[in-house]
N, C-alpha and C. Protein backbone atom coordinates (compact mmCIF):
# COMPACT_ATOMS: atom_id res chain seq x y z
N UNK A 1 0.85 -1.19 0.00
CA UNK A 1 0.00 0.00 0.00
C UNK A 1 0.88 1.24 0.00
N UNK A 2 0.55 2.24 -0.83
CA UNK A 2 1.31 3.48 -0.90
C UNK A 2 1.30 4.22 0.44
N UNK A 3 2.44 4.79 0.76
CA UNK A 3 2.54 5.59 1.96
C UNK A 3 2.57 4.79 3.25
N UNK A 4 2.78 3.49 3.15
CA UNK A 4 2.81 2.64 4.33
C UNK A 4 4.22 2.08 4.51
N UNK A 5 4.74 2.17 5.72
CA UNK A 5 6.10 1.75 6.01
C UNK A 5 6.10 0.77 7.17
N UNK A 6 6.93 -0.24 7.06
CA UNK A 6 7.15 -1.18 8.16
C UNK A 6 8.45 -0.84 8.87
N UNK A 7 8.40 -0.79 10.18
CA UNK A 7 9.59 -0.64 11.00
C UNK A 7 9.70 -1.91 11.83
N UNK A 8 10.89 -2.49 11.83
CA UNK A 8 11.15 -3.67 12.66
C UNK A 8 11.95 -3.24 13.87
N UNK A 9 11.49 -3.65 15.05
CA UNK A 9 12.17 -3.32 16.31
C UNK A 9 12.71 -4.59 16.94
N UNK A 10 13.87 -4.46 17.55
CA UNK A 10 14.50 -5.59 18.22
C UNK A 10 15.23 -5.10 19.45
N UNK A 11 15.00 -5.77 20.57
CA UNK A 11 15.76 -5.49 21.78
C UNK A 11 17.01 -6.36 21.74
N UNK A 12 18.11 -5.75 21.38
CA UNK A 12 19.37 -6.46 21.23
C UNK A 12 19.82 -6.96 22.61
N UNK A 13 20.12 -8.26 22.73
CA UNK A 13 20.48 -8.80 24.05
C UNK A 13 21.89 -8.43 24.52
N UNK A 14 22.69 -7.83 23.64
CA UNK A 14 24.09 -7.55 23.99
C UNK A 14 24.30 -6.09 24.35
N UNK A 15 24.98 -5.87 25.46
CA UNK A 15 25.34 -4.51 25.85
C UNK A 15 26.71 -4.13 25.32
N UNK A 16 27.57 -5.12 25.10
CA UNK A 16 28.88 -4.90 24.52
C UNK A 16 28.68 -4.45 23.07
N UNK A 17 29.25 -3.29 22.71
CA UNK A 17 28.99 -2.68 21.39
C UNK A 17 29.39 -3.59 20.23
N UNK A 18 30.51 -4.28 20.36
CA UNK A 18 30.99 -5.15 19.27
C UNK A 18 30.00 -6.30 19.03
N UNK A 19 29.57 -6.95 20.10
CA UNK A 19 28.62 -8.07 19.96
C UNK A 19 27.25 -7.56 19.52
N UNK A 20 26.84 -6.40 20.04
CA UNK A 20 25.54 -5.83 19.66
C UNK A 20 25.53 -5.49 18.17
N UNK A 21 26.63 -4.94 17.67
CA UNK A 21 26.71 -4.60 16.25
C UNK A 21 26.65 -5.85 15.37
N UNK A 22 27.37 -6.88 15.75
CA UNK A 22 27.36 -8.12 14.97
C UNK A 22 25.95 -8.72 14.94
N UNK A 23 25.27 -8.68 16.07
CA UNK A 23 23.91 -9.21 16.17
C UNK A 23 22.96 -8.38 15.29
N UNK A 24 23.09 -7.07 15.39
CA UNK A 24 22.24 -6.17 14.62
C UNK A 24 22.51 -6.31 13.12
N UNK A 25 23.79 -6.43 12.74
CA UNK A 25 24.14 -6.62 11.33
C UNK A 25 23.52 -7.89 10.77
N UNK A 26 23.48 -8.95 11.58
CA UNK A 26 22.88 -10.21 11.15
C UNK A 26 21.38 -10.06 10.91
N UNK A 27 20.72 -9.30 11.77
CA UNK A 27 19.28 -9.06 11.58
C UNK A 27 19.05 -8.24 10.32
N UNK A 28 19.84 -7.19 10.13
CA UNK A 28 19.71 -6.37 8.92
C UNK A 28 19.93 -7.23 7.68
N UNK A 29 20.91 -8.11 7.71
CA UNK A 29 21.19 -9.00 6.59
C UNK A 29 19.95 -9.85 6.27
N UNK A 30 19.33 -10.41 7.28
CA UNK A 30 18.13 -11.23 7.09
C UNK A 30 16.97 -10.42 6.52
N UNK A 31 16.79 -9.21 7.02
CA UNK A 31 15.72 -8.35 6.51
C UNK A 31 15.95 -7.98 5.05
N UNK A 32 17.19 -7.67 4.70
CA UNK A 32 17.50 -7.34 3.31
C UNK A 32 17.31 -8.55 2.40
N UNK A 33 17.74 -9.72 2.85
CA UNK A 33 17.57 -10.94 2.06
C UNK A 33 16.09 -11.22 1.83
N UNK A 34 15.29 -11.02 2.86
CA UNK A 34 13.85 -11.24 2.71
C UNK A 34 13.26 -10.24 1.72
N UNK A 35 13.65 -8.97 1.83
CA UNK A 35 13.13 -7.93 0.94
C UNK A 35 13.51 -8.21 -0.52
N UNK A 36 14.70 -8.77 -0.71
CA UNK A 36 15.19 -9.04 -2.06
C UNK A 36 14.91 -10.47 -2.51
N UNK A 37 14.23 -11.23 -1.66
CA UNK A 37 13.85 -12.61 -1.98
C UNK A 37 15.07 -13.44 -2.42
N UNK A 38 16.09 -13.42 -1.56
CA UNK A 38 17.31 -14.17 -1.86
C UNK A 38 17.89 -14.73 -0.57
N UNK A 39 18.66 -15.77 -0.69
CA UNK A 39 19.41 -16.29 0.46
C UNK A 39 20.89 -15.94 0.34
N UNK A 40 21.25 -15.26 -0.73
CA UNK A 40 22.64 -14.84 -0.94
C UNK A 40 23.01 -13.71 0.02
N UNK A 41 24.28 -13.70 0.42
CA UNK A 41 24.78 -12.62 1.28
C UNK A 41 24.68 -11.28 0.54
N UNK A 42 24.19 -10.25 1.21
CA UNK A 42 24.08 -8.91 0.65
C UNK A 42 25.22 -8.08 1.22
N UNK A 43 26.07 -7.57 0.36
CA UNK A 43 27.18 -6.72 0.79
C UNK A 43 26.66 -5.32 1.04
N UNK A 44 26.96 -4.80 2.21
CA UNK A 44 26.56 -3.45 2.58
C UNK A 44 27.79 -2.55 2.48
N UNK A 45 27.65 -1.48 1.71
CA UNK A 45 28.73 -0.52 1.51
C UNK A 45 28.44 0.73 2.32
N UNK A 46 29.44 1.59 2.45
CA UNK A 46 29.28 2.86 3.16
C UNK A 46 29.62 4.01 2.22
N UNK A 47 28.76 5.05 2.24
CA UNK A 47 29.00 6.25 1.47
C UNK A 47 30.02 7.15 2.16
N UNK A 48 30.21 8.33 1.62
CA UNK A 48 31.21 9.28 2.12
C UNK A 48 31.07 9.56 3.62
N UNK A 49 29.86 9.81 4.08
CA UNK A 49 29.63 10.10 5.49
C UNK A 49 29.13 8.89 6.27
N UNK A 50 29.33 7.71 5.71
CA UNK A 50 28.96 6.49 6.42
C UNK A 50 27.57 5.96 6.14
N UNK A 51 26.83 6.58 5.21
CA UNK A 51 25.49 6.10 4.91
C UNK A 51 25.59 4.71 4.26
N UNK A 52 24.91 3.72 4.86
CA UNK A 52 24.97 2.38 4.28
C UNK A 52 24.08 2.26 3.03
N UNK A 53 24.54 1.45 2.07
CA UNK A 53 23.75 1.19 0.87
C UNK A 53 24.14 -0.17 0.31
N UNK A 54 23.30 -0.68 -0.55
CA UNK A 54 23.57 -1.95 -1.23
C UNK A 54 23.42 -1.74 -2.73
N UNK A 55 24.05 -2.61 -3.51
CA UNK A 55 23.93 -2.53 -4.96
C UNK A 55 22.76 -3.39 -5.44
N UNK A 56 21.61 -3.14 -4.86
CA UNK A 56 20.37 -3.84 -5.18
C UNK A 56 19.24 -2.82 -5.15
N UNK A 57 18.11 -3.15 -5.74
CA UNK A 57 16.99 -2.20 -5.77
C UNK A 57 16.22 -2.15 -4.43
N UNK A 58 16.90 -1.64 -3.41
CA UNK A 58 16.27 -1.53 -2.10
C UNK A 58 16.96 -0.43 -1.30
N UNK A 59 16.19 0.26 -0.50
CA UNK A 59 16.69 1.32 0.37
C UNK A 59 16.43 0.92 1.81
N UNK A 60 17.30 1.34 2.72
CA UNK A 60 17.10 0.96 4.12
C UNK A 60 17.77 1.98 5.03
N UNK A 61 17.37 1.92 6.29
CA UNK A 61 17.98 2.74 7.32
C UNK A 61 17.89 1.96 8.62
N UNK A 62 18.81 2.25 9.52
CA UNK A 62 18.88 1.55 10.80
C UNK A 62 19.21 2.56 11.87
N UNK A 63 18.69 2.35 13.06
CA UNK A 63 19.01 3.22 14.18
C UNK A 63 18.95 2.41 15.46
N UNK A 64 19.66 2.89 16.46
CA UNK A 64 19.52 2.26 17.77
C UNK A 64 19.72 3.29 18.86
N UNK A 65 19.09 3.00 19.97
CA UNK A 65 19.25 3.80 21.17
C UNK A 65 19.22 2.81 22.33
N UNK A 66 20.30 2.79 23.06
CA UNK A 66 20.51 1.76 24.07
C UNK A 66 20.41 0.41 23.38
N UNK A 67 19.57 -0.47 23.88
CA UNK A 67 19.49 -1.81 23.28
C UNK A 67 18.35 -1.94 22.26
N UNK A 68 17.58 -0.88 22.06
CA UNK A 68 16.52 -0.94 21.06
C UNK A 68 17.10 -0.61 19.68
N UNK A 69 16.97 -1.57 18.78
CA UNK A 69 17.43 -1.38 17.40
C UNK A 69 16.21 -1.34 16.49
N UNK A 70 16.24 -0.45 15.52
CA UNK A 70 15.12 -0.27 14.60
C UNK A 70 15.64 -0.32 13.17
N UNK A 71 14.84 -0.91 12.28
CA UNK A 71 15.22 -1.09 10.89
C UNK A 71 14.02 -0.73 10.01
N UNK A 72 14.31 -0.12 8.87
CA UNK A 72 13.27 0.17 7.89
C UNK A 72 13.85 -0.13 6.51
N UNK A 73 13.05 -0.76 5.68
CA UNK A 73 13.46 -1.12 4.32
C UNK A 73 12.33 -0.74 3.38
N UNK A 74 12.70 -0.15 2.24
CA UNK A 74 11.69 0.19 1.24
C UNK A 74 12.27 -0.04 -0.14
N UNK A 75 11.45 -0.52 -1.06
CA UNK A 75 11.97 -0.84 -2.39
C UNK A 75 11.72 0.26 -3.42
N UNK A 76 10.94 1.27 -3.07
CA UNK A 76 10.62 2.31 -4.05
C UNK A 76 11.34 3.64 -3.83
N UNK A 77 11.69 3.96 -2.60
CA UNK A 77 12.33 5.24 -2.34
C UNK A 77 13.20 5.17 -1.09
N UNK A 78 14.17 6.07 -1.04
CA UNK A 78 15.10 6.13 0.08
C UNK A 78 14.36 6.60 1.33
N UNK A 79 14.93 6.28 2.46
CA UNK A 79 14.28 6.61 3.73
C UNK A 79 15.33 6.72 4.82
N UNK A 80 15.08 7.59 5.78
CA UNK A 80 15.96 7.72 6.94
C UNK A 80 15.16 7.44 8.20
N UNK A 81 15.78 6.82 9.18
CA UNK A 81 15.12 6.42 10.41
C UNK A 81 15.97 6.82 11.60
N UNK A 82 15.32 7.31 12.65
CA UNK A 82 16.01 7.53 13.91
C UNK A 82 15.13 7.12 15.07
N UNK A 83 15.75 6.54 16.08
CA UNK A 83 15.08 6.19 17.33
C UNK A 83 15.95 6.71 18.47
N UNK A 84 15.32 7.34 19.45
CA UNK A 84 16.04 7.91 20.60
C UNK A 84 15.28 7.63 21.89
N UNK A 85 16.02 7.20 22.90
CA UNK A 85 15.46 7.08 24.23
C UNK A 85 15.17 8.49 24.74
N UNK A 86 13.97 8.72 25.24
CA UNK A 86 13.63 10.04 25.76
C UNK A 86 14.14 10.15 27.20
N UNK A 87 15.26 10.82 27.34
CA UNK A 87 15.89 10.98 28.65
C UNK A 87 15.32 12.21 29.32
N UNK A 88 14.58 12.01 30.39
CA UNK A 88 13.98 13.15 31.09
C UNK A 88 15.02 13.94 31.87
N UNK A 89 16.17 13.34 32.15
CA UNK A 89 17.21 14.05 32.90
C UNK A 89 18.07 14.94 32.01
N UNK A 90 17.91 14.82 30.71
CA UNK A 90 18.71 15.59 29.76
C UNK A 90 18.30 17.07 29.79
N UNK A 91 19.25 17.97 29.75
CA UNK A 91 18.96 19.40 29.67
C UNK A 91 18.69 19.73 28.19
N UNK A 92 17.50 19.36 27.74
CA UNK A 92 17.18 19.47 26.32
C UNK A 92 17.03 20.93 25.87
N UNK A 93 16.63 21.82 26.76
CA UNK A 93 16.55 23.24 26.36
C UNK A 93 17.94 23.79 26.07
N UNK A 94 18.91 23.42 26.87
CA UNK A 94 20.29 23.86 26.64
C UNK A 94 20.80 23.29 25.32
N UNK A 95 20.51 22.02 25.07
CA UNK A 95 20.93 21.37 23.82
C UNK A 95 20.27 22.05 22.62
N UNK A 96 18.97 22.32 22.72
CA UNK A 96 18.25 22.97 21.63
C UNK A 96 18.77 24.38 21.38
N UNK A 97 19.01 25.13 22.44
CA UNK A 97 19.52 26.50 22.29
C UNK A 97 20.89 26.48 21.59
N UNK A 98 21.71 25.49 21.93
CA UNK A 98 23.06 25.42 21.37
C UNK A 98 23.09 24.91 19.92
N UNK A 99 22.24 23.92 19.60
CA UNK A 99 22.38 23.25 18.32
C UNK A 99 21.25 23.49 17.31
N UNK A 100 20.05 23.75 17.77
CA UNK A 100 18.92 23.86 16.85
C UNK A 100 18.88 25.22 16.16
N UNK A 101 18.14 25.27 15.09
CA UNK A 101 17.86 26.53 14.40
C UNK A 101 17.11 27.43 15.38
N UNK A 102 17.37 28.76 15.38
CA UNK A 102 16.69 29.66 16.32
C UNK A 102 15.17 29.54 16.30
N UNK A 103 14.56 29.33 15.13
CA UNK A 103 13.11 29.20 15.07
C UNK A 103 12.63 27.96 15.82
N UNK A 104 13.37 26.86 15.70
CA UNK A 104 13.00 25.64 16.42
C UNK A 104 13.12 25.84 17.92
N UNK A 105 14.15 26.53 18.35
CA UNK A 105 14.30 26.81 19.77
C UNK A 105 13.15 27.67 20.26
N UNK A 106 12.79 28.69 19.50
CA UNK A 106 11.64 29.55 19.87
C UNK A 106 10.35 28.73 19.93
N UNK A 107 10.15 27.86 18.94
CA UNK A 107 8.95 27.00 18.93
C UNK A 107 8.92 26.11 20.17
N UNK A 108 10.08 25.62 20.57
CA UNK A 108 10.17 24.77 21.75
C UNK A 108 9.77 25.54 23.01
N UNK A 109 10.16 26.81 23.08
CA UNK A 109 9.79 27.63 24.24
C UNK A 109 8.30 27.97 24.25
N UNK A 110 7.69 28.00 23.06
CA UNK A 110 6.28 28.36 22.97
C UNK A 110 5.32 27.24 23.38
N UNK A 111 5.75 26.00 23.26
CA UNK A 111 4.86 24.90 23.68
C UNK A 111 4.85 24.85 25.19
N UNK A 112 3.79 24.31 25.73
CA UNK A 112 3.69 24.20 27.18
C UNK A 112 4.81 23.34 27.73
N UNK A 113 5.14 23.57 28.99
CA UNK A 113 6.25 22.86 29.61
C UNK A 113 6.07 21.35 29.53
N UNK A 114 4.84 20.89 29.66
CA UNK A 114 4.58 19.44 29.62
C UNK A 114 4.88 18.84 28.26
N UNK A 115 4.79 19.63 27.19
CA UNK A 115 5.00 19.12 25.83
C UNK A 115 6.43 19.32 25.33
N UNK A 116 7.26 19.99 26.10
CA UNK A 116 8.61 20.32 25.62
C UNK A 116 9.48 19.10 25.36
N UNK A 117 9.44 18.14 26.25
CA UNK A 117 10.26 16.94 26.07
C UNK A 117 9.88 16.23 24.77
N UNK A 118 8.58 16.04 24.55
CA UNK A 118 8.11 15.38 23.32
C UNK A 118 8.52 16.19 22.09
N UNK A 119 8.35 17.50 22.16
CA UNK A 119 8.68 18.36 21.03
C UNK A 119 10.17 18.34 20.73
N UNK A 120 10.99 18.39 21.77
CA UNK A 120 12.44 18.33 21.58
C UNK A 120 12.82 17.03 20.86
N UNK A 121 12.33 15.91 21.36
CA UNK A 121 12.72 14.63 20.75
C UNK A 121 12.13 14.46 19.35
N UNK A 122 10.98 15.06 19.11
CA UNK A 122 10.44 15.04 17.75
C UNK A 122 11.38 15.80 16.82
N UNK A 123 11.82 16.98 17.25
CA UNK A 123 12.75 17.78 16.44
C UNK A 123 14.07 17.03 16.24
N UNK A 124 14.61 16.47 17.31
CA UNK A 124 15.90 15.80 17.23
C UNK A 124 15.84 14.58 16.31
N UNK A 125 14.84 13.72 16.49
CA UNK A 125 14.78 12.50 15.67
C UNK A 125 14.49 12.83 14.21
N UNK A 126 13.72 13.88 13.97
CA UNK A 126 13.50 14.30 12.58
C UNK A 126 14.82 14.71 11.92
N UNK A 127 15.64 15.47 12.66
CA UNK A 127 16.92 15.90 12.11
C UNK A 127 17.83 14.71 11.82
N UNK A 128 17.88 13.76 12.74
CA UNK A 128 18.73 12.58 12.51
C UNK A 128 18.20 11.74 11.35
N UNK A 129 16.89 11.59 11.26
CA UNK A 129 16.31 10.82 10.15
C UNK A 129 16.59 11.51 8.82
N UNK A 130 16.46 12.83 8.79
CA UNK A 130 16.75 13.62 7.59
C UNK A 130 18.21 13.46 7.18
N UNK A 131 19.11 13.54 8.15
CA UNK A 131 20.53 13.36 7.91
C UNK A 131 20.80 11.97 7.33
N UNK A 132 20.18 10.95 7.89
CA UNK A 132 20.37 9.58 7.39
C UNK A 132 19.79 9.41 5.99
N UNK A 133 18.68 10.07 5.72
CA UNK A 133 18.09 10.02 4.38
C UNK A 133 19.07 10.55 3.34
N UNK A 134 19.68 11.68 3.64
CA UNK A 134 20.56 12.34 2.68
C UNK A 134 22.02 11.92 2.78
N UNK A 135 22.35 11.13 3.80
CA UNK A 135 23.73 10.68 3.95
C UNK A 135 24.68 11.78 4.34
N UNK A 136 24.19 12.69 5.17
CA UNK A 136 25.01 13.83 5.57
C UNK A 136 25.71 13.63 6.89
N UNK A 137 26.18 14.72 7.44
CA UNK A 137 26.84 14.75 8.73
C UNK A 137 25.86 15.42 9.70
N UNK A 138 25.53 14.76 10.80
CA UNK A 138 24.50 15.26 11.72
C UNK A 138 24.74 16.70 12.15
N UNK A 139 25.98 17.07 12.43
CA UNK A 139 26.25 18.41 12.94
C UNK A 139 25.87 19.49 11.93
N UNK A 140 25.87 19.15 10.66
CA UNK A 140 25.47 20.15 9.66
C UNK A 140 23.95 20.24 9.50
N UNK A 141 23.22 19.30 10.09
CA UNK A 141 21.76 19.30 9.99
C UNK A 141 21.08 19.92 11.21
N UNK A 142 21.77 19.92 12.33
CA UNK A 142 21.13 20.36 13.57
C UNK A 142 20.63 21.79 13.51
N UNK A 143 21.37 22.68 12.88
CA UNK A 143 21.01 24.09 12.88
C UNK A 143 20.27 24.52 11.61
N UNK A 144 19.80 23.57 10.82
CA UNK A 144 19.08 24.01 9.62
C UNK A 144 17.67 23.43 9.57
N UNK A 145 16.86 24.13 8.80
CA UNK A 145 15.48 23.72 8.58
C UNK A 145 15.37 23.19 7.15
N UNK A 146 14.54 22.18 6.91
CA UNK A 146 14.36 21.75 5.52
C UNK A 146 13.68 22.85 4.72
N UNK A 147 14.18 23.11 3.53
CA UNK A 147 13.55 24.13 2.70
C UNK A 147 12.26 23.58 2.11
N UNK A 148 11.36 24.46 1.76
CA UNK A 148 10.06 24.05 1.21
C UNK A 148 10.23 23.28 -0.09
N UNK A 149 11.24 23.60 -0.86
CA UNK A 149 11.43 22.91 -2.13
C UNK A 149 12.21 21.60 -1.99
N UNK A 150 12.66 21.27 -0.79
CA UNK A 150 13.43 20.05 -0.57
C UNK A 150 12.56 18.79 -0.67
N UNK A 151 11.28 18.93 -0.49
CA UNK A 151 10.35 17.80 -0.57
C UNK A 151 10.72 16.67 0.40
N UNK A 152 11.01 17.05 1.63
CA UNK A 152 11.29 16.07 2.68
C UNK A 152 10.02 15.93 3.51
N UNK A 153 9.58 14.72 3.69
CA UNK A 153 8.39 14.44 4.50
C UNK A 153 8.82 13.70 5.76
N UNK A 154 8.22 14.09 6.88
CA UNK A 154 8.54 13.47 8.15
C UNK A 154 7.31 12.77 8.70
N UNK A 155 7.55 11.71 9.43
CA UNK A 155 6.48 10.97 10.07
C UNK A 155 7.04 10.39 11.37
N UNK A 156 6.23 10.39 12.40
CA UNK A 156 6.65 9.84 13.70
C UNK A 156 5.65 8.79 14.15
N UNK A 157 6.12 7.98 15.06
CA UNK A 157 5.21 7.08 15.75
C UNK A 157 5.46 7.25 17.24
N UNK A 158 4.40 7.20 18.01
CA UNK A 158 4.49 7.39 19.45
C UNK A 158 4.15 6.11 20.21
N UNK A 159 4.15 4.99 19.52
CA UNK A 159 3.73 3.74 20.15
C UNK A 159 4.88 2.99 20.82
N UNK A 160 6.10 3.44 20.66
CA UNK A 160 7.24 2.78 21.28
C UNK A 160 7.51 3.49 22.60
N UNK A 161 7.03 2.89 23.68
CA UNK A 161 7.05 3.54 24.99
C UNK A 161 8.46 3.94 25.41
N UNK A 162 8.60 5.23 25.75
CA UNK A 162 9.86 5.76 26.24
C UNK A 162 10.83 6.17 25.15
N UNK A 163 10.44 6.00 23.87
CA UNK A 163 11.32 6.32 22.76
C UNK A 163 10.62 7.23 21.77
N UNK A 164 11.41 8.06 21.10
CA UNK A 164 10.92 8.85 19.97
C UNK A 164 11.40 8.16 18.71
N UNK A 165 10.52 8.04 17.72
CA UNK A 165 10.85 7.38 16.45
C UNK A 165 10.39 8.28 15.32
N UNK A 166 11.29 8.59 14.38
CA UNK A 166 10.94 9.44 13.25
C UNK A 166 11.51 8.87 11.95
N UNK A 167 10.78 9.14 10.88
CA UNK A 167 11.20 8.77 9.53
C UNK A 167 11.28 10.04 8.69
N UNK A 168 12.22 10.05 7.75
CA UNK A 168 12.31 11.12 6.75
C UNK A 168 12.31 10.45 5.39
N UNK A 169 11.57 11.04 4.46
CA UNK A 169 11.40 10.41 3.16
C UNK A 169 11.08 11.45 2.10
N UNK A 170 11.39 11.16 0.83
CA UNK A 170 10.96 12.06 -0.24
C UNK A 170 9.47 11.85 -0.58
N UNK A 171 8.87 10.81 -0.01
CA UNK A 171 7.46 10.50 -0.24
C UNK A 171 6.67 10.66 1.06
N UNK A 172 5.39 10.93 0.93
CA UNK A 172 4.52 11.03 2.10
C UNK A 172 4.31 9.64 2.68
N UNK A 173 4.44 9.54 3.98
CA UNK A 173 4.20 8.30 4.70
C UNK A 173 2.92 8.48 5.50
N UNK A 174 1.92 7.66 5.19
CA UNK A 174 0.63 7.78 5.85
C UNK A 174 0.47 6.87 7.06
N UNK A 175 1.20 5.77 7.05
CA UNK A 175 1.02 4.79 8.12
C UNK A 175 2.34 4.09 8.40
N UNK A 176 2.61 3.92 9.70
CA UNK A 176 3.77 3.16 10.13
C UNK A 176 3.26 1.90 10.83
N UNK A 177 3.81 0.77 10.43
CA UNK A 177 3.51 -0.48 11.10
C UNK A 177 4.74 -0.89 11.90
N UNK A 178 4.54 -1.19 13.15
CA UNK A 178 5.63 -1.63 14.01
C UNK A 178 5.61 -3.15 14.09
N UNK A 179 6.75 -3.75 13.80
CA UNK A 179 6.92 -5.20 13.86
C UNK A 179 8.04 -5.48 14.87
N UNK A 180 7.89 -6.51 15.68
CA UNK A 180 8.94 -6.85 16.62
C UNK A 180 9.65 -8.12 16.15
N UNK A 181 10.93 -8.13 16.40
CA UNK A 181 11.77 -9.28 16.08
C UNK A 181 12.18 -9.91 17.39
N UNK A 182 11.94 -11.19 17.54
CA UNK A 182 12.30 -11.88 18.78
C UNK A 182 11.38 -11.48 19.90
N UNK A 183 11.89 -11.57 21.11
CA UNK A 183 11.08 -11.22 22.28
C UNK A 183 10.89 -9.72 22.34
N UNK A 184 9.64 -9.28 22.61
CA UNK A 184 9.26 -7.87 22.66
C UNK A 184 10.19 -7.05 23.40
């Protein structure tokens, strides 16, 4: 269905970064093989700023925060994904004032205090997803706004308790389906 995206979530059992990466890479490999209807190994390459890609007709993005790993694959258009643990102890106003575009910081101050945490993480995950979509460097995206002619569409889901999840795409996304891999 047009405008519908599947996100796969997995609670990685490894806290050690090396083992967690190997485990996550194996899951991504399986998801790509399924999307491409093959059992052959899919070689994943890295672009200039580290954006992963394959020499097959498929686009994907991956993100993790703590042990939650998220994956998205699409065969028609590129996509960026970010997931972030919403840390209530983080001084997000200081972070926004330092890194965000002045308009975004002002918008953050205008929302009620109760909505600021959600708004901050929405802004942050959108920026990371946008950066992953375009294969850029995050620090160059934090202080900019997407231009109207850039045709970047954002979509979030709020069903992952304690986490912010955002997608960036050149196409409108109407629905996100959350799928879990392994134990919830």
